[in-house]
Amino acid sequence: MFPVLSEGDSIIYKYDAEPRIGDLIVFLRDGFLQIHRVIFTLPGGKIFQKADNRLRGSWIKKNQVLGIVSHIIQDNKTTTIYNRTERYKGILTCLFIFSKRMLDKLI
C-alpha cells in the first residue's frame, strides 16, 4: 500500500473539520494546497503531518488546515475514506514505508 492519491484523482473534503490522527488533511503552505496524513497532534494546535510516500514529515499549525478528505474519486469511482478503518490503514501505511526504508538503509 503506497500513496492513497495518484495524479488525476479528485477529492471531496469536509471543510473546517477537526483533524485526528490518521486523517488526510488539506492544508495551505507557501501558497500551495497540500494533502498529507496527520501523524500526531499536540495541544495548542500543532500538527505533525507527512505524505504517505515520504520518510519525513513536518509541523503545521491547525489554522493552516482547510479540511479533512472524506472521499477520493479515482476512475469515476468514489471511495469514502472518512472512517476509522481507513485512518488506521493510513497510519499503518506510513509506519510500513518508514520501516521498509530503514531496513533498506541497513541492508
C-alpha atoms as a PDB file:
ATOM      1  CA  MET A   1       0.000   0.000   0.000  1.00  0.00           C
ATOM      2  CA  PHE A   2       1.536   3.271  -1.098  1.00  0.00           C
ATOM      3  CA  PRO A   3       0.110   6.757  -1.514  1.00  0.00           C
ATOM      4  CA  VAL A   4      -3.672   6.886  -1.461  1.00  0.00           C
ATOM      5  CA  LEU A   5      -3.822   9.626  -4.104  1.00  0.00           C
ATOM      6  CA  SER A   6      -2.477   9.492  -7.635  1.00  0.00           C
ATOM      7  CA  GLU A   7      -2.156  12.138 -10.318  1.00  0.00           C
ATOM      8  CA  GLY A   8      -5.574  12.874 -11.808  1.00  0.00           C
ATOM      9  CA  ASP A   9      -7.557  11.829  -8.723  1.00  0.00           C
ATOM     10  CA  SER A  10     -10.147  14.197  -7.259  1.00  0.00           C
ATOM     11  CA  ILE A  11     -11.110  14.642  -3.625  1.00  0.00           C
ATOM     12  CA  ILE A  12     -14.046  15.829  -1.587  1.00  0.00           C
ATOM     13  CA  TYR A  13     -13.173  17.273   1.782  1.00  0.00           C
ATOM     14  CA  LYS A  14     -15.047  18.331   4.890  1.00  0.00           C
ATOM     15  CA  TYR A  15     -14.365  21.993   5.456  1.00  0.00           C
ATOM     16  CA  ASP A  16     -13.228  23.046   8.917  1.00  0.00           C
ATOM     17  CA  ALA A  17     -13.397  19.516  10.405  1.00  0.00           C
ATOM     18  CA  GLU A  18     -11.283  18.601  13.440  1.00  0.00           C
ATOM     19  CA  PRO A  19      -8.126  16.727  12.313  1.00  0.00           C
ATOM     20  CA  ARG A  20      -7.423  13.405  14.034  1.00  0.00           C
ATOM     21  CA  ILE A  21      -4.512  11.014  13.811  1.00  0.00           C
ATOM     22  CA  GLY A  22      -4.664   9.130  10.530  1.00  0.00           C
ATOM     23  CA  ASP A  23      -6.814  11.665   8.690  1.00  0.00           C
ATOM     24  CA  LEU A  24      -5.831  13.030   5.296  1.00  0.00           C
ATOM     25  CA  ILE A  25      -5.868  16.796   5.633  1.00  0.00           C
ATOM     26  CA  VAL A  26      -5.993  19.565   3.058  1.00  0.00           C
ATOM     27  CA  PHE A  27      -3.823  22.479   4.120  1.00  0.00           C
ATOM     28  CA  LEU A  28      -2.219  25.591   2.752  1.00  0.00           C
ATOM     29  CA  ARG A  29       1.561  26.005   2.820  1.00  0.00           C
ATOM     30  CA  ASP A  30       3.529  28.675   0.991  1.00  0.00           C
ATOM     31  CA  GLY A  31       0.518  29.456  -1.191  1.00  0.00           C
ATOM     32  CA  PHE A  32       0.003  25.836  -2.330  1.00  0.00           C
ATOM     33  CA  LEU A  33      -2.651  23.315  -1.349  1.00  0.00           C
ATOM     34  CA  GLN A  34      -1.223  20.071   0.002  1.00  0.00           C
ATOM     35  CA  ILE A  35      -2.788  16.809   1.134  1.00  0.00           C
ATOM     36  CA  HIS A  36      -0.915  14.815   3.774  1.00  0.00           C
ATOM     37  CA  ARG A  37      -1.704  12.471   6.647  1.00  0.00           C
ATOM     38  CA  VAL A  38      -1.903  13.531  10.311  1.00  0.00           C
ATOM     39  CA  ILE A  39       0.687  11.541  12.262  1.00  0.00           C
ATOM     40  CA  PHE A  40       0.129  13.190  15.634  1.00  0.00           C
ATOM     41  CA  THR A  41      -1.088  16.394  17.235  1.00  0.00           C
ATOM     42  CA  LEU A  42      -0.023  18.492  20.195  1.00  0.00           C
ATOM     43  CA  PRO A  43      -2.032  20.782  22.442  1.00  0.00           C
ATOM     44  CA  GLY A  44      -2.004  24.328  21.185  1.00  0.00           C
ATOM     45  CA  GLY A  45      -2.870  23.416  17.607  1.00  0.00           C
ATOM     46  CA  LYS A  46       0.371  21.897  16.301  1.00  0.00           C
ATOM     47  CA  ILE A  47       0.003  19.031  13.824  1.00  0.00           C
ATOM     48  CA  PHE A  48       2.759  16.730  12.590  1.00  0.00           C
ATOM     49  CA  GLN A  49       1.906  15.606   9.069  1.00  0.00           C
ATOM     50  CA  LYS A  50       3.592  13.753   6.236  1.00  0.00           C
ATOM     51  CA  ALA A  51       2.895  12.351   2.812  1.00  0.00           C
ATOM     52  CA  ASP A  52       2.253   8.593   2.774  1.00  0.00           C
ATOM     53  CA  ASN A  53       5.208   8.011   0.460  1.00  0.00           C
ATOM     54  CA  ARG A  54       7.728  10.140   2.374  1.00  0.00           C
ATOM     55  CA  LEU A  55      10.021   9.292   5.233  1.00  0.00           C
ATOM     56  CA  ARG A  56       9.980  12.746   6.795  1.00  0.00           C
ATOM     57  CA  GLY A  57       7.116  14.972   7.808  1.00  0.00           C
ATOM     58  CA  SER A  58       6.823  18.450   9.233  1.00  0.00           C
ATOM     59  CA  TRP A  59       4.847  20.568  11.650  1.00  0.00           C
ATOM     60  CA  ILE A  60       1.995  22.810  10.618  1.00  0.00           C
ATOM     61  CA  LYS A  61      -0.430  24.938  12.597  1.00  0.00           C
ATOM     62  CA  LYS A  62      -4.047  23.906  12.938  1.00  0.00           C
ATOM     63  CA  ASN A  63      -5.160  27.188  11.353  1.00  0.00           C
ATOM     64  CA  GLN A  64      -3.448  26.112   8.103  1.00  0.00           C
ATOM     65  CA  VAL A  65      -5.828  23.131   7.786  1.00  0.00           C
ATOM     66  CA  LEU A  66      -8.732  23.758   5.425  1.00  0.00           C
ATOM     67  CA  GLY A  67     -10.444  20.392   5.960  1.00  0.00           C
ATOM     68  CA  ILE A  68     -10.283  16.612   6.043  1.00  0.00           C
ATOM     69  CA  VAL A  69     -10.520  14.431   2.934  1.00  0.00           C
ATOM     70  CA  SER A  70     -13.751  12.446   3.088  1.00  0.00           C
ATOM     71  CA  HIS A  71     -13.906  10.920  -0.411  1.00  0.00           C
ATOM     72  CA  ILE A  72     -11.479  10.110  -3.201  1.00  0.00           C
ATOM     73  CA  ILE A  73     -12.650   9.875  -6.804  1.00  0.00           C
ATOM     74  CA  GLN A  74     -10.475   7.573  -8.943  1.00  0.00           C
ATOM     75  CA  ASP A  75     -11.502   6.421 -12.421  1.00  0.00           C
ATOM     76  CA  ASN A  76     -15.072   7.690 -11.879  1.00  0.00           C
ATOM     77  CA  LYS A  77     -15.370   5.574  -8.719  1.00  0.00           C
ATOM     78  CA  THR A  78     -15.923   7.327  -5.376  1.00  0.00           C
ATOM     79  CA  THR A  79     -14.386   5.846  -2.217  1.00  0.00           C
ATOM     80  CA  THR A  80     -15.293   7.023   1.268  1.00  0.00           C
ATOM     81  CA  ILE A  81     -12.227   7.343   3.472  1.00  0.00           C
ATOM     82  CA  TYR A  82     -13.600   9.329   6.377  1.00  0.00           C
ATOM     83  CA  ASN A  83     -13.858   6.419   8.770  1.00  0.00           C
ATOM     84  CA  ARG A  84     -11.768   4.784  11.477  1.00  0.00           C
ATOM     85  CA  THR A  85     -10.667   1.798   9.374  1.00  0.00           C
ATOM     86  CA  GLU A  86      -9.238   3.987   6.624  1.00  0.00           C
ATOM     87  CA  ARG A  87      -7.451   6.241   9.118  1.00  0.00           C
ATOM     88  CA  TYR A  88      -5.740   3.250  10.732  1.00  0.00           C
ATOM     89  CA  LYS A  89      -4.829   1.786   7.354  1.00  0.00           C
ATOM     90  CA  GLY A  90      -3.183   5.115   6.554  1.00  0.00           C
ATOM     91  CA  ILE A  91      -1.190   5.115   9.776  1.00  0.00           C
ATOM     92  CA  LEU A  92      -0.042   1.539   9.141  1.00  0.00           C
ATOM     93  CA  THR A  93       0.975   2.535   5.609  1.00  0.00           C
ATOM     94  CA  CYS A  94       3.167   5.336   6.965  1.00  0.00           C
ATOM     95  CA  LEU A  95       4.746   3.000   9.510  1.00  0.00           C
ATOM     96  CA  PHE A  96       5.332   0.305   6.879  1.00  0.00           C
ATOM     97  CA  ILE A  97       7.050   2.715   4.491  1.00  0.00           C
ATOM     98  CA  PHE A  98       9.172   4.137   7.312  1.00  0.00           C
ATOM     99  CA  SER A  99      10.200   0.626   8.479  1.00  0.00           C
ATOM    100  CA  LYS A 100      10.955  -0.570   4.959  1.00  0.00           C
ATOM    101  CA  ARG A 101      13.166   2.440   4.222  1.00  0.00           C
ATOM    102  CA  MET A 102      15.030   1.992   7.493  1.00  0.00           C
ATOM    103  CA  LEU A 103      15.630  -1.684   6.686  1.00  0.00           C
ATOM    104  CA  ASP A 104      16.776  -0.810   3.155  1.00  0.00           C
ATOM    105  CA  LYS A 105      19.381   1.531   4.637  1.00  0.00           C
ATOM    106  CA  LEU A 106      20.676  -1.220   6.915  1.00  0.00           C
ATOM    107  CA  ILE A 107      20.959  -3.867   4.196  1.00  0.00           C
END
